[in-house]
Amino acid sequence: MHRTPATGPPDPSTAAATTAPAAARHPRALEPVTAILIVLLSVLGALIGVVLITSLGVSPNTAVIGALVAMLVGRIPAGVLVRMRSLHRQNLVQSAVSGSTFAAANSLMTPIAVPFALGRTDLVWPMLGGAAIGLAVDSWVLYRVFDSTLLPATNAWPAGIAAAETIKAGDSGGKKAVVLGASAVVGLLGALMKIPTSAAGVAFLGNVWALLMFGIGLLVAQYAPTLLDVDLTGAFVPHGLMIGAGLVALGQAGMLMRGRGGGGRKAGAARAEDDGTPERTVGATRLRRGLLEGVVLFTAGAVVVALTGGLIGRMSVPGLIGWMLLAGAAALVHQLIVGLAAMHSGWFPAFAVTLIVLIVGLFLGIPTVPLALLVGYTASTGPAFADLGYDFKAGWLLRRDAVPWQPYEMSGRREQYIAQVMGFAVALGVVALAWHTFFTDGKVPPVSKVYVTTITSGLDPHTMTTLLLWAIPGALIQFIGGSSRQLGVLLATGLLVATANAGWMVLGALAVRYGYTRWRRRGVRTAEERRRRDEQSDNDMSLVGAGLIAGSSLNDISKLTKAL
């Protein structure tokens, strides 16, 4: 896949069009005006997340909403408010708002609902503490390893492109704003008519091979029940594929940690931290340290859950040690698989991967209460990891022309992380105050009920056989595609997401993208001109894709009315 101005590495030659002066310091998240806006909008985002996850079982992406509000505040001609005209301050606000939404809905409310639905209300507070630890470690690991060969900034991260393009279009206006606005209207109208326009938007942005497998998975999931009379999800076929693909993906991640490339770009491109080259800001050394830190911290969090959840005395010493090690490993695996899927497709199968952990726990014979805590702890990781990746991608795009680039980029990424931590803190406070009212009113996240039903109903003896059999083709597909394409993970993601007609939207958009690129190449005679045309066509497609995703996100927010 050719590189584009929207996704390629920064070009120092574009100094004349920089978004940040050479000597400027990146705006700080703790500046009074920015911090106040972050807190206020994070409360709104967290409330939206809690209402929608408990009522409709969905968690919307509020990044675009946060960006729009920040832009509107910056247009108020009143003293310090004009500072919000800065694209980078708007990026800080949208990072915090989207972080608070996903944290409240997916990383906090869903895990604590598991012990509640099981009838163990006494374990809700211990689970909330464990989920908060999982959320904190989740975001820390992503901050450490973003823009490595495992999770490159140059990959799609579709929601991040949508947020960045929205902010840039609001600032510059003109033709770009018109294209983005028109695409957003199409995305919104399509979503209102139950057409998954965000799937088409993603297909205009990401790796062609990865998205091709994602689209195939979506189509197979849609038509297998009618054409083949097979319920793939009920038979746990996609889950088996994900197990095999996930294991190989972990092996590929291990190769990247050792600086061997793992099927992606050459290992030399990962030396950013080690030799100062601008290709990557995170090299193999920091990637290795970040993932190892994740293992240690997730395991430490599992120890806290075991202590506060009263598992000591309920399990034998070897069983307890095994539970804590399994919980730490499962949290990291869940995080990485969800993050890889989100990076390429903009969709993440958090529910399905948690269900795989649950099935493994049943197979190992883990008792009901420890298993419920294991599932809740695992579910707290992944979504915030993916969301922070989206936000870092948005910031990376907005900062990509700064000179000197790398110091400004790293400073901006640090401030984004601080902004997201502020959003997480707000989300934790909102959930701590709201969970009892929502749960006692019968508003429990649907996925949490599914987890509890699976725990109490037990495991079909044939399930593990099916999982192991289908793990083989999943592993082979993932191995063949390499870490840069994630074919196995994306195929399984498509099968697990199984959104009606999304496969047609993905494959149709890929065809349009291919046709538009070929059309732009007409009359080209030199390789340099062809490269320039390809970059421009990808840039155009990225803008349209960002608009479709932004419009679909607006529709997600509109569901709040239905929930209320």
Protein backbone atom coordinates (compact mmCIF):
# COMPACT_ATOMS: atom_id res chain seq x y z
CA MET A 1 0.00 0.00 0.00
CA HIS A 2 1.44 3.37 -0.96
CA ARG A 3 1.95 6.04 1.65
CA THR A 4 -0.02 9.26 1.83
CA PRO A 5 0.47 12.74 3.19
CA ALA A 6 -2.16 11.90 5.77
CA THR A 7 -0.46 8.77 7.02
CA GLY A 8 3.22 8.95 6.05
CA PRO A 9 6.08 10.17 8.22
CA PRO A 10 6.51 13.91 8.78
CA ASP A 11 8.29 15.84 6.08
CA PRO A 12 10.68 18.46 7.45
CA SER A 13 10.64 20.18 4.07
CA THR A 14 7.13 21.46 4.74
CA ALA A 15 8.34 23.97 7.31
CA ALA A 16 6.57 26.80 5.52
CA ALA A 17 3.22 25.21 6.35
CA THR A 18 3.88 24.20 9.91
CA THR A 19 1.13 23.99 12.44
CA ALA A 20 3.52 24.94 15.28
CA PRO A 21 6.30 27.52 15.36
CA ALA A 22 9.81 26.19 15.71
CA ALA A 23 10.41 27.52 19.22
CA ALA A 24 6.85 27.08 20.51
CA ARG A 25 5.93 24.82 23.37
CA HIS A 26 2.96 22.55 22.93
CA PRO A 27 -0.13 23.81 24.84
CA ARG A 28 -0.54 22.12 28.21
CA ALA A 29 -3.56 20.15 29.35
CA LEU A 30 -3.39 21.76 32.79
CA GLU A 31 -3.73 25.33 31.52
CA PRO A 32 -6.76 26.79 33.37
CA VAL A 33 -9.07 27.30 30.39
CA THR A 34 -8.17 23.98 28.76
CA ALA A 35 -8.40 22.07 32.05
CA ILE A 36 -11.83 23.52 32.92
CA LEU A 37 -13.19 22.67 29.48
CA ILE A 38 -11.68 19.17 29.72
CA VAL A 39 -13.38 18.49 33.06
CA LEU A 40 -16.78 19.87 32.03
CA LEU A 41 -16.92 18.03 28.71
CA SER A 42 -15.51 14.85 30.25
CA VAL A 43 -18.44 14.80 32.69
CA LEU A 44 -20.78 15.06 29.69
CA GLY A 45 -18.90 12.33 27.81
CA ALA A 46 -18.92 9.98 30.79
CA LEU A 47 -22.66 10.47 31.32
CA ILE A 48 -23.34 9.79 27.64
CA GLY A 49 -21.24 6.64 27.83
CA VAL A 50 -22.99 5.37 30.98
CA VAL A 51 -26.49 6.03 29.63
CA LEU A 52 -25.89 4.40 26.23
CA ILE A 53 -23.98 1.33 27.46
CA THR A 54 -26.65 0.52 30.06
CA SER A 55 -29.65 1.30 27.85
CA LEU A 56 -28.63 0.30 24.33
CA GLY A 57 -25.40 -1.61 24.86
CA VAL A 58 -23.34 0.78 22.68
CA SER A 59 -20.49 3.15 23.44
CA PRO A 60 -20.30 6.13 21.06
CA ASN A 61 -17.16 7.89 19.88
CA THR A 62 -17.51 11.41 21.27
CA ALA A 63 -14.16 12.66 19.91
CA VAL A 64 -15.82 14.57 17.06
CA ILE A 65 -18.34 16.13 19.45
CA GLY A 66 -15.55 17.24 21.78
CA ALA A 67 -13.64 18.75 18.86
CA LEU A 68 -16.72 20.64 17.63
CA VAL A 69 -17.48 22.06 21.07
CA ALA A 70 -13.86 23.13 21.54
CA MET A 71 -13.96 24.86 18.13
CA LEU A 72 -17.16 26.70 19.06
CA VAL A 73 -15.67 27.86 22.37
CA GLY A 74 -12.64 29.16 20.49
CA ARG A 75 -14.93 31.31 18.35
CA ILE A 76 -16.25 33.18 21.40
CA PRO A 77 -14.53 36.60 21.35
CA ALA A 78 -14.03 36.74 25.10
CA GLY A 79 -10.56 37.04 26.59
CA VAL A 80 -8.78 33.77 27.25
CA LEU A 81 -11.43 31.72 25.40
CA VAL A 82 -9.82 32.65 22.09
CA ARG A 83 -6.94 30.36 23.08
CA MET A 84 -9.21 27.45 22.17
CA ARG A 85 -8.74 28.40 18.52
CA SER A 86 -5.49 26.46 18.77
CA LEU A 87 -5.82 23.13 16.95
CA HIS A 88 -3.67 21.50 19.60
CA ARG A 89 -5.86 22.65 22.49
CA GLN A 90 -8.89 21.35 20.62
CA ASN A 91 -7.04 18.05 20.22
CA LEU A 92 -6.44 17.90 23.98
CA VAL A 93 -10.13 18.45 24.69
CA GLN A 94 -11.36 15.86 22.19
CA SER A 95 -8.83 13.35 23.57
CA ALA A 96 -10.18 13.78 27.10
CA VAL A 97 -13.85 13.65 26.07
CA SER A 98 -13.52 10.48 23.99
CA GLY A 99 -11.40 8.93 26.74
CA SER A 100 -13.98 9.63 29.44
CA THR A 101 -16.76 8.15 27.30
CA PHE A 102 -15.01 4.86 26.53
CA ALA A 103 -13.62 4.60 30.05
CA ALA A 104 -17.00 5.07 31.72
CA ALA A 105 -18.89 2.74 29.37
CA ASN A 106 -16.47 -0.05 28.48
CA SER A 107 -13.66 -0.03 31.02
CA LEU A 108 -15.63 0.67 34.23
CA MET A 109 -19.40 0.21 33.93
CA THR A 110 -19.28 -3.08 32.01
CA PRO A 111 -16.80 -4.85 34.36
CA ILE A 112 -18.55 -3.88 37.60
CA ALA A 113 -21.88 -5.03 36.18
CA VAL A 114 -20.58 -8.63 36.04
CA PRO A 115 -20.52 -9.26 39.83
CA PHE A 116 -23.75 -7.25 40.21
CA ALA A 117 -25.57 -9.40 37.63
CA LEU A 118 -24.20 -12.45 39.43
CA GLY A 119 -25.91 -11.27 42.61
CA ARG A 120 -22.65 -10.34 44.38
CA THR A 121 -23.15 -6.62 45.01
CA ASP A 122 -20.45 -6.81 47.68
CA LEU A 123 -17.89 -7.32 44.93
CA VAL A 124 -18.84 -4.26 42.89
CA TRP A 125 -16.47 -1.90 44.71
CA PRO A 126 -13.49 -4.31 44.59
CA MET A 127 -14.21 -4.83 40.90
CA LEU A 128 -14.36 -1.06 40.35
CA GLY A 129 -10.94 -0.76 41.96
CA GLY A 130 -9.57 -3.53 39.73
CA ALA A 131 -11.15 -2.01 36.63
CA ALA A 132 -9.62 1.37 37.47
CA ILE A 133 -6.20 -0.30 37.68
CA GLY A 134 -6.80 -2.10 34.38
CA LEU A 135 -7.81 1.20 32.77
CA ALA A 136 -4.73 2.98 34.10
CA VAL A 137 -2.32 0.27 32.93
CA ASP A 138 -4.16 0.04 29.60
CA SER A 139 -3.52 3.70 28.80
CA TRP A 140 0.04 3.66 30.17
CA VAL A 141 1.10 0.78 27.92
CA LEU A 142 -0.33 2.47 24.82
CA TYR A 143 1.44 5.71 25.74
CA ARG A 144 4.69 3.77 25.97
CA VAL A 145 4.39 1.81 22.71
CA PHE A 146 2.40 4.01 20.30
CA ASP A 147 4.30 4.61 17.06
CA SER A 148 6.41 1.48 17.38
CA THR A 149 6.58 -1.18 14.66
CA LEU A 150 3.78 -2.98 16.51
CA LEU A 151 1.40 0.02 16.64
CA PRO A 152 2.69 2.56 14.10
CA ALA A 153 1.28 6.08 13.84
CA THR A 154 1.36 5.58 10.06
CA ASN A 155 -1.37 2.94 10.23
CA ALA A 156 -5.04 3.85 9.84
CA TRP A 157 -6.51 4.42 13.35
CA PRO A 158 -9.65 5.58 11.46
CA ALA A 159 -11.44 7.48 14.22
CA GLY A 160 -8.24 9.45 14.77
CA ILE A 161 -8.17 10.58 11.16
CA ALA A 162 -11.85 11.61 11.45
CA ALA A 163 -11.11 13.74 14.52
CA ALA A 164 -8.02 15.35 12.98
CA GLU A 165 -9.72 16.14 9.68
CA THR A 166 -12.69 17.63 11.53
CA ILE A 167 -10.42 19.92 13.54
CA LYS A 168 -8.38 20.96 10.48
CA ALA A 169 -11.45 21.57 8.33
CA GLY A 170 -13.00 23.74 11.04
CA ASP A 171 -9.82 25.78 11.15
CA SER A 172 -9.09 26.18 7.45
CA GLY A 173 -12.57 26.07 5.87
CA GLY A 174 -12.68 26.18 2.06
CA LYS A 175 -12.99 23.18 -0.23
CA LYS A 176 -11.67 20.81 2.39
CA ALA A 177 -14.42 21.78 4.83
CA VAL A 178 -17.05 21.41 2.11
CA VAL A 179 -15.89 17.88 1.20
CA LEU A 180 -15.68 16.84 4.83
CA GLY A 181 -19.07 18.37 5.63
CA ALA A 182 -20.78 16.77 2.64
CA SER A 183 -19.27 13.38 3.53
CA ALA A 184 -20.40 13.79 7.14
CA VAL A 185 -23.96 14.49 5.97
CA VAL A 186 -23.88 11.34 3.84
CA GLY A 187 -22.50 9.39 6.79
CA LEU A 188 -25.17 10.72 9.12
CA LEU A 189 -28.06 10.10 6.70
CA GLY A 190 -26.81 6.61 5.94
CA ALA A 191 -26.49 5.78 9.63
CA LEU A 192 -30.00 7.09 10.28
CA MET A 193 -31.22 4.66 7.61
CA LYS A 194 -29.35 1.81 9.34
CA ILE A 195 -26.63 1.73 6.66
CA PRO A 196 -23.16 1.18 8.23
CA THR A 197 -21.51 4.16 6.52
CA SER A 198 -18.66 4.12 9.03
CA ALA A 199 -17.55 0.80 7.52
CA ALA A 200 -17.19 2.50 4.13
CA GLY A 201 -15.30 5.34 5.79
CA VAL A 202 -12.83 2.91 7.33
CA ALA A 203 -12.24 1.26 3.95
CA PHE A 204 -11.10 4.60 2.50
CA LEU A 205 -8.42 4.91 5.17
CA GLY A 206 -6.69 1.68 6.14
CA ASN A 207 -4.52 -1.15 4.87
CA VAL A 208 -6.19 -2.63 1.80
CA TRP A 209 -5.34 -6.26 2.59
CA ALA A 210 -6.41 -6.03 6.22
CA LEU A 211 -9.70 -4.37 5.27
CA LEU A 212 -10.29 -6.90 2.49
CA MET A 213 -10.17 -9.71 5.06
CA PHE A 214 -12.35 -7.66 7.42
CA GLY A 215 -14.96 -7.23 4.67
CA ILE A 216 -14.86 -10.92 3.76
CA GLY A 217 -15.40 -11.82 7.41
CA LEU A 218 -18.39 -9.48 7.62
CA LEU A 219 -19.98 -11.00 4.49
CA VAL A 220 -19.42 -14.58 5.61
CA ALA A 221 -20.96 -13.81 8.99
CA GLN A 222 -23.97 -12.20 7.31
CA TYR A 223 -24.78 -14.94 4.79
CA ALA A 224 -23.53 -18.18 6.39
CA PRO A 225 -26.73 -18.66 8.46
CA THR A 226 -28.99 -18.47 5.38
CA LEU A 227 -26.80 -19.99 2.65
CA LEU A 228 -25.00 -22.64 4.69
CA ASP A 229 -27.49 -23.01 7.53
CA VAL A 230 -24.65 -22.54 10.00
CA ASP A 231 -24.64 -20.28 13.04
CA LEU A 232 -20.93 -19.47 13.10
CA THR A 233 -21.08 -17.46 16.31
CA GLY A 234 -23.17 -20.06 18.09
CA ALA A 235 -20.64 -22.71 17.03
CA PHE A 236 -17.74 -20.53 18.25
CA VAL A 237 -16.02 -20.66 14.86
CA PRO A 238 -14.96 -16.97 14.87
CA HIS A 239 -13.70 -17.34 18.43
CA GLY A 240 -11.51 -20.27 17.40
CA LEU A 241 -10.10 -18.29 14.48
CA MET A 242 -9.37 -15.40 16.83
CA ILE A 243 -7.55 -17.69 19.28
CA GLY A 244 -5.23 -18.99 16.56
CA ALA A 245 -4.70 -15.57 14.98
CA GLY A 246 -4.21 -13.97 18.40
CA LEU A 247 -1.54 -16.46 19.44
CA VAL A 248 0.39 -15.88 16.23
CA ALA A 249 -0.07 -12.11 16.61
CA LEU A 250 1.50 -12.37 20.07
CA GLY A 251 4.43 -14.27 18.59
CA GLN A 252 4.81 -11.58 15.92
CA ALA A 253 4.71 -8.93 18.65
CA GLY A 254 7.50 -10.81 20.38
CA MET A 255 9.57 -10.70 17.19
CA LEU A 256 9.00 -6.95 16.95
CA MET A 257 10.10 -6.58 20.57
CA ARG A 258 13.37 -8.21 19.55
CA GLY A 259 13.70 -5.83 16.60
CA ARG A 260 13.17 -8.46 13.89
CA GLY A 261 10.31 -6.79 12.05
CA GLY A 262 7.66 -9.49 12.39
CA GLY A 263 6.42 -9.08 8.84
CA GLY A 264 6.03 -5.31 8.89
CA ARG A 265 8.46 -2.61 7.77
CA LYS A 266 12.16 -3.38 8.07
CA ALA A 267 13.53 -3.51 11.57
CA GLY A 268 15.78 -0.57 10.78
CA ALA A 269 12.71 1.63 10.59
CA ALA A 270 12.08 1.02 14.27
CA ARG A 271 15.29 2.65 15.44
CA ALA A 272 13.78 6.07 16.08
CA GLU A 273 14.55 6.08 19.76
CA ASP A 274 17.95 4.49 19.34
CA ASP A 275 19.59 6.43 16.50
CA GLY A 276 17.44 9.54 16.08
CA THR A 277 15.91 8.70 12.69
CA PRO A 278 12.44 10.18 12.17
CA GLU A 279 10.79 6.96 10.99
CA ARG A 280 9.49 5.92 14.42
CA THR A 281 9.38 7.69 17.77
CA VAL A 282 9.44 4.37 19.64
CA GLY A 283 12.12 1.79 18.96
CA ALA A 284 12.41 -1.89 19.80
CA THR A 285 13.90 -1.20 23.24
CA ARG A 286 11.02 0.97 24.44
CA LEU A 287 8.47 -1.37 22.85
CA ARG A 288 9.95 -4.28 24.78
CA ARG A 289 10.00 -2.34 28.03
CA GLY A 290 6.46 -1.08 27.54
CA LEU A 291 4.99 -4.53 27.02
CA LEU A 292 6.98 -6.03 29.88
CA GLU A 293 5.78 -3.20 32.11
CA GLY A 294 2.27 -4.07 31.03
CA VAL A 295 2.69 -7.72 32.08
CA VAL A 296 4.04 -6.72 35.50
CA LEU A 297 1.45 -4.00 36.16
CA PHE A 298 -1.51 -6.08 34.97
CA THR A 299 -0.39 -8.93 37.21
CA ALA A 300 -0.02 -6.52 40.14
CA GLY A 301 -3.57 -5.32 39.44
CA ALA A 302 -4.76 -8.93 39.50
CA VAL A 303 -3.18 -9.32 42.94
CA VAL A 304 -5.18 -6.32 44.16
CA VAL A 305 -8.40 -7.78 42.75
CA ALA A 306 -7.67 -11.12 44.42
CA LEU A 307 -7.03 -9.46 47.79
CA THR A 308 -10.00 -7.10 47.76
CA GLY A 309 -12.30 -9.64 46.13
CA GLY A 310 -11.78 -12.13 48.93
CA LEU A 311 -10.23 -14.87 46.80
CA ILE A 312 -7.69 -15.71 49.50
CA GLY A 313 -9.17 -18.62 51.41
CA ARG A 314 -11.53 -19.51 48.56
CA MET A 315 -8.79 -21.02 46.41
CA SER A 316 -5.70 -23.10 47.07
CA VAL A 317 -2.35 -21.31 47.01
CA PRO A 318 -1.33 -22.81 43.61
CA GLY A 319 -4.79 -22.05 42.24
CA LEU A 320 -4.64 -18.46 43.46
CA ILE A 321 -1.18 -17.91 41.98
CA GLY A 322 -2.35 -19.42 38.70
CA TRP A 323 -5.44 -17.17 38.72
CA MET A 324 -3.35 -14.02 39.18
CA LEU A 325 -0.89 -14.99 36.44
CA LEU A 326 -3.75 -15.86 34.08
CA ALA A 327 -5.53 -12.57 34.83
CA GLY A 328 -2.39 -10.54 34.12
CA ALA A 329 -1.67 -12.39 30.88
CA ALA A 330 -5.30 -12.28 29.73
CA ALA A 331 -5.45 -8.52 30.31
CA LEU A 332 -2.38 -7.92 28.13
CA VAL A 333 -3.54 -10.31 25.38
CA HIS A 334 -7.01 -8.73 25.36
CA GLN A 335 -5.44 -5.28 25.13
CA LEU A 336 -3.18 -6.14 22.20
CA ILE A 337 -5.78 -7.97 20.10
CA VAL A 338 -8.37 -5.23 20.60
CA GLY A 339 -5.75 -2.57 19.79
CA LEU A 340 -4.55 -4.29 16.61
CA ALA A 341 -8.10 -4.74 15.32
CA ALA A 342 -8.98 -1.11 16.11
CA MET A 343 -5.81 0.18 14.45
CA HIS A 344 -6.62 -1.44 11.12
CA SER A 345 -10.42 -1.54 11.03
CA GLY A 346 -11.75 1.02 13.49
CA TRP A 347 -13.80 -1.78 15.07
CA PHE A 348 -12.71 -3.77 18.09
CA PRO A 349 -14.13 -7.15 19.20
CA ALA A 350 -13.73 -6.53 22.94
CA PHE A 351 -16.82 -8.54 23.88
CA ALA A 352 -15.78 -11.57 21.83
CA VAL A 353 -12.20 -11.65 23.09
CA THR A 354 -13.40 -11.38 26.70
CA LEU A 355 -15.78 -14.25 25.96
CA ILE A 356 -12.79 -16.31 24.81
CA VAL A 357 -11.09 -15.65 28.16
CA LEU A 358 -14.32 -16.71 29.89
CA ILE A 359 -14.44 -19.98 27.93
CA VAL A 360 -10.80 -20.73 28.78
CA GLY A 361 -11.63 -20.09 32.44
CA LEU A 362 -14.55 -22.51 32.26
CA PHE A 363 -12.32 -25.12 30.62
CA LEU A 364 -9.78 -24.73 33.43
CA GLY A 365 -12.52 -25.21 36.00
CA ILE A 366 -12.19 -21.81 37.69
CA PRO A 367 -14.98 -21.38 40.28
CA THR A 368 -17.85 -18.96 39.64
CA VAL A 369 -16.76 -15.94 41.71
CA PRO A 370 -13.06 -15.98 40.69
CA LEU A 371 -14.14 -16.44 37.08
CA ALA A 372 -16.50 -13.46 37.27
CA LEU A 373 -13.70 -11.30 38.64
CA LEU A 374 -11.34 -12.58 35.92
CA VAL A 375 -13.86 -11.66 33.22
CA GLY A 376 -14.50 -8.22 34.70
CA TYR A 377 -10.80 -7.46 35.03
CA THR A 378 -10.10 -8.56 31.46
CA ALA A 379 -13.02 -6.51 30.12
CA SER A 380 -11.56 -3.36 31.67
CA THR A 381 -8.68 -3.44 29.18
CA GLY A 382 -8.68 -2.84 25.43
CA PRO A 383 -11.25 -0.12 24.61
CA ALA A 384 -9.31 2.71 26.30
CA PHE A 385 -6.13 1.35 24.66
CA ALA A 386 -7.78 1.63 21.25
CA ASP A 387 -9.32 5.03 21.97
CA LEU A 388 -6.03 6.52 23.09
CA GLY A 389 -4.49 5.20 19.87
CA TYR A 390 -7.17 7.05 17.88
CA ASP A 391 -6.45 10.26 19.78
CA PHE A 392 -2.68 9.96 19.42
CA LYS A 393 -3.21 9.44 15.69
CA ALA A 394 -5.27 12.65 15.54
CA GLY A 395 -2.58 14.57 17.40
CA TRP A 396 0.16 13.06 15.23
CA LEU A 397 -1.62 14.31 12.11
CA LEU A 398 -2.12 17.80 13.55
CA ARG A 399 1.53 18.05 14.63
CA ARG A 400 3.17 16.37 11.67
CA ASP A 401 4.53 19.55 10.08
CA ALA A 402 6.00 21.08 13.25
CA VAL A 403 9.68 22.03 13.16
CA PRO A 404 11.60 20.62 14.96
CA TRP A 405 9.13 17.78 14.69
CA GLN A 406 10.10 15.05 17.14
CA PRO A 407 10.37 17.18 20.33
CA TYR A 408 7.04 18.83 19.57
CA GLU A 409 5.41 15.48 18.80
CA MET A 410 6.59 13.86 22.00
CA SER A 411 5.56 16.89 24.06
CA GLY A 412 2.12 16.91 22.45
CA ARG A 413 1.67 13.19 22.98
CA ARG A 414 2.54 13.61 26.67
CA GLU A 415 -0.04 16.39 27.06
CA GLN A 416 -2.65 14.24 25.31
CA TYR A 417 -1.93 11.46 27.76
CA ILE A 418 -2.38 13.86 30.68
CA ALA A 419 -5.67 15.07 29.17
CA GLN A 420 -6.91 11.50 28.83
CA VAL A 421 -5.95 10.68 32.41
CA MET A 422 -8.03 13.67 33.47
CA GLY A 423 -10.93 12.29 31.44
CA PHE A 424 -10.45 8.86 33.04
CA ALA A 425 -10.51 10.38 36.53
CA VAL A 426 -13.77 12.14 35.74
CA ALA A 427 -15.22 8.90 34.34
CA LEU A 428 -14.25 7.03 37.50
CA GLY A 429 -16.03 9.61 39.64
CA VAL A 430 -19.16 9.53 37.48
CA VAL A 431 -19.36 5.72 37.54
CA ALA A 432 -18.72 5.58 41.29
CA LEU A 433 -21.66 7.94 41.85
CA ALA A 434 -24.01 6.55 39.21
CA TRP A 435 -23.68 2.76 39.13
CA HIS A 436 -26.00 1.99 42.04
CA THR A 437 -28.85 4.10 40.63
CA PHE A 438 -28.58 2.58 37.16
CA PHE A 439 -28.14 -1.04 38.24
CA THR A 440 -30.92 -1.05 40.82
CA ASP A 441 -33.17 0.43 38.14
CA GLY A 442 -32.47 -2.62 35.98
CA LYS A 443 -30.13 -0.82 33.59
CA VAL A 444 -27.24 -3.28 33.35
CA PRO A 445 -25.01 -3.44 30.22
CA PRO A 446 -26.33 -6.28 28.01
CA VAL A 447 -22.85 -7.75 27.44
CA SER A 448 -22.37 -8.15 31.19
CA LYS A 449 -25.58 -10.19 31.34
CA VAL A 450 -24.24 -12.43 28.56
CA TYR A 451 -21.01 -13.01 30.51
CA VAL A 452 -22.94 -14.00 33.65
CA THR A 453 -25.30 -16.29 31.71
CA THR A 454 -22.30 -18.05 30.15
CA ILE A 455 -20.59 -18.40 33.54
CA THR A 456 -23.64 -19.92 35.21
CA SER A 457 -24.66 -22.19 32.30
CA GLY A 458 -21.23 -23.80 31.97
CA LEU A 459 -19.29 -25.10 28.99
CA ASP A 460 -20.41 -27.45 26.26
CA PRO A 461 -17.87 -30.34 26.10
CA HIS A 462 -17.48 -29.90 22.35
CA THR A 463 -16.73 -26.17 22.53
CA MET A 464 -13.01 -26.49 23.25
CA THR A 465 -12.61 -28.98 20.41
CA THR A 466 -14.23 -26.52 18.00
CA LEU A 467 -12.06 -23.67 19.25
CA LEU A 468 -8.86 -25.65 18.84
CA LEU A 469 -9.77 -26.93 15.37
CA TRP A 470 -10.61 -23.46 14.02
CA ALA A 471 -7.56 -21.98 15.70
CA ILE A 472 -5.40 -23.75 13.10
CA PRO A 473 -6.64 -21.85 9.99
CA GLY A 474 -6.73 -18.64 12.03
CA ALA A 475 -3.07 -19.09 12.92
CA LEU A 476 -2.09 -19.91 9.34
CA ILE A 477 -3.86 -16.86 7.87
CA GLN A 478 -2.29 -14.58 10.46
CA PHE A 479 1.17 -16.04 9.85
CA ILE A 480 0.90 -15.65 6.07
CA GLY A 481 -0.25 -12.03 6.32
CA GLY A 482 2.43 -10.96 8.80
CA SER A 483 2.17 -8.37 11.55
CA SER A 484 1.77 -5.44 9.14
CA ARG A 485 -1.52 -6.75 7.72
CA GLN A 486 -3.05 -8.72 10.64
CA LEU A 487 -5.14 -10.80 8.21
CA GLY A 488 -6.17 -13.45 10.71
CA VAL A 489 -7.15 -10.98 13.42
CA LEU A 490 -9.14 -8.89 10.93
CA LEU A 491 -10.92 -11.90 9.42
CA ALA A 492 -11.97 -13.02 12.90
CA THR A 493 -12.98 -9.46 13.78
CA GLY A 494 -15.29 -9.31 10.76
CA LEU A 495 -16.87 -12.64 11.69
CA LEU A 496 -17.37 -11.50 15.28
CA VAL A 497 -18.67 -7.99 14.52
CA ALA A 498 -21.17 -9.41 11.99
CA THR A 499 -22.90 -6.09 11.26
CA ALA A 500 -25.48 -6.49 8.51
CA ASN A 501 -24.40 -5.05 5.13
CA ALA A 502 -21.13 -3.71 6.55
CA GLY A 503 -19.20 -6.18 4.39
CA TRP A 504 -20.73 -4.76 1.21
CA MET A 505 -19.86 -1.25 2.36
CA VAL A 506 -16.24 -2.19 3.05
CA LEU A 507 -15.70 -4.07 -0.22
CA GLY A 508 -17.61 -1.47 -2.24
CA ALA A 509 -15.53 1.35 -0.77
CA LEU A 510 -12.33 -0.57 -1.50
CA ALA A 511 -13.45 -0.91 -5.14
CA VAL A 512 -14.19 2.83 -5.32
CA ARG A 513 -10.83 3.57 -3.78
CA TYR A 514 -9.04 1.37 -6.32
CA GLY A 515 -10.99 2.86 -9.22
CA TYR A 516 -10.35 6.44 -8.11
CA THR A 517 -6.63 5.76 -7.76
CA ARG A 518 -6.48 4.28 -11.26
CA TRP A 519 -8.42 7.25 -12.64
CA ARG A 520 -6.02 9.71 -11.05
CA ARG A 521 -3.11 7.87 -12.69
CA ARG A 522 -4.40 8.47 -16.22
CA GLY A 523 -1.75 9.94 -18.50
CA VAL A 524 1.05 9.38 -15.96
CA ARG A 525 4.44 8.70 -17.54
CA THR A 526 6.97 8.85 -14.72
CA ALA A 527 7.30 7.04 -11.40
CA GLU A 528 7.56 10.35 -9.53
CA GLU A 529 4.35 11.68 -11.05
CA ARG A 530 2.60 8.40 -10.28
CA ARG A 531 3.70 8.63 -6.65
CA ARG A 532 2.40 12.18 -6.41
CA ARG A 533 -0.96 11.24 -7.97
CA ASP A 534 -1.32 8.26 -5.63
CA GLU A 535 -0.63 10.45 -2.62
CA GLN A 536 -3.27 12.94 -3.74
CA SER A 537 -5.87 10.24 -4.38
CA ASP A 538 -5.24 8.71 -0.95
CA ASN A 539 -5.49 12.16 0.61
CA ASP A 540 -8.87 12.72 -1.09
CA MET A 541 -10.15 9.32 0.01
CA SER A 542 -8.97 9.95 3.57
CA LEU A 543 -10.99 13.16 3.72
CA VAL A 544 -14.15 11.44 2.47
CA GLY A 545 -13.62 8.52 4.84
CA ALA A 546 -13.11 10.86 7.79
CA GLY A 547 -16.39 12.62 6.95
CA LEU A 548 -18.33 9.36 6.79
CA ILE A 549 -16.97 8.29 10.18
CA ALA A 550 -17.70 11.71 11.69
CA GLY A 551 -21.30 11.59 10.44
CA SER A 552 -21.80 8.09 11.80
CA SER A 553 -20.41 9.24 15.18
CA LEU A 554 -22.96 12.06 15.27
CA ASN A 555 -25.69 9.47 14.77
CA ASP A 556 -24.32 7.49 17.72
CA ILE A 557 -24.69 10.55 19.94
CA SER A 558 -28.24 11.07 18.69
CA LYS A 559 -29.14 7.69 20.20
CA LEU A 560 -28.97 9.40 23.58
CA THR A 561 -32.49 10.69 23.01
CA LYS A 562 -33.76 7.16 22.47
CA ALA A 563 -31.96 5.92 25.57
CA LEU A 564 -33.42 8.67 27.72
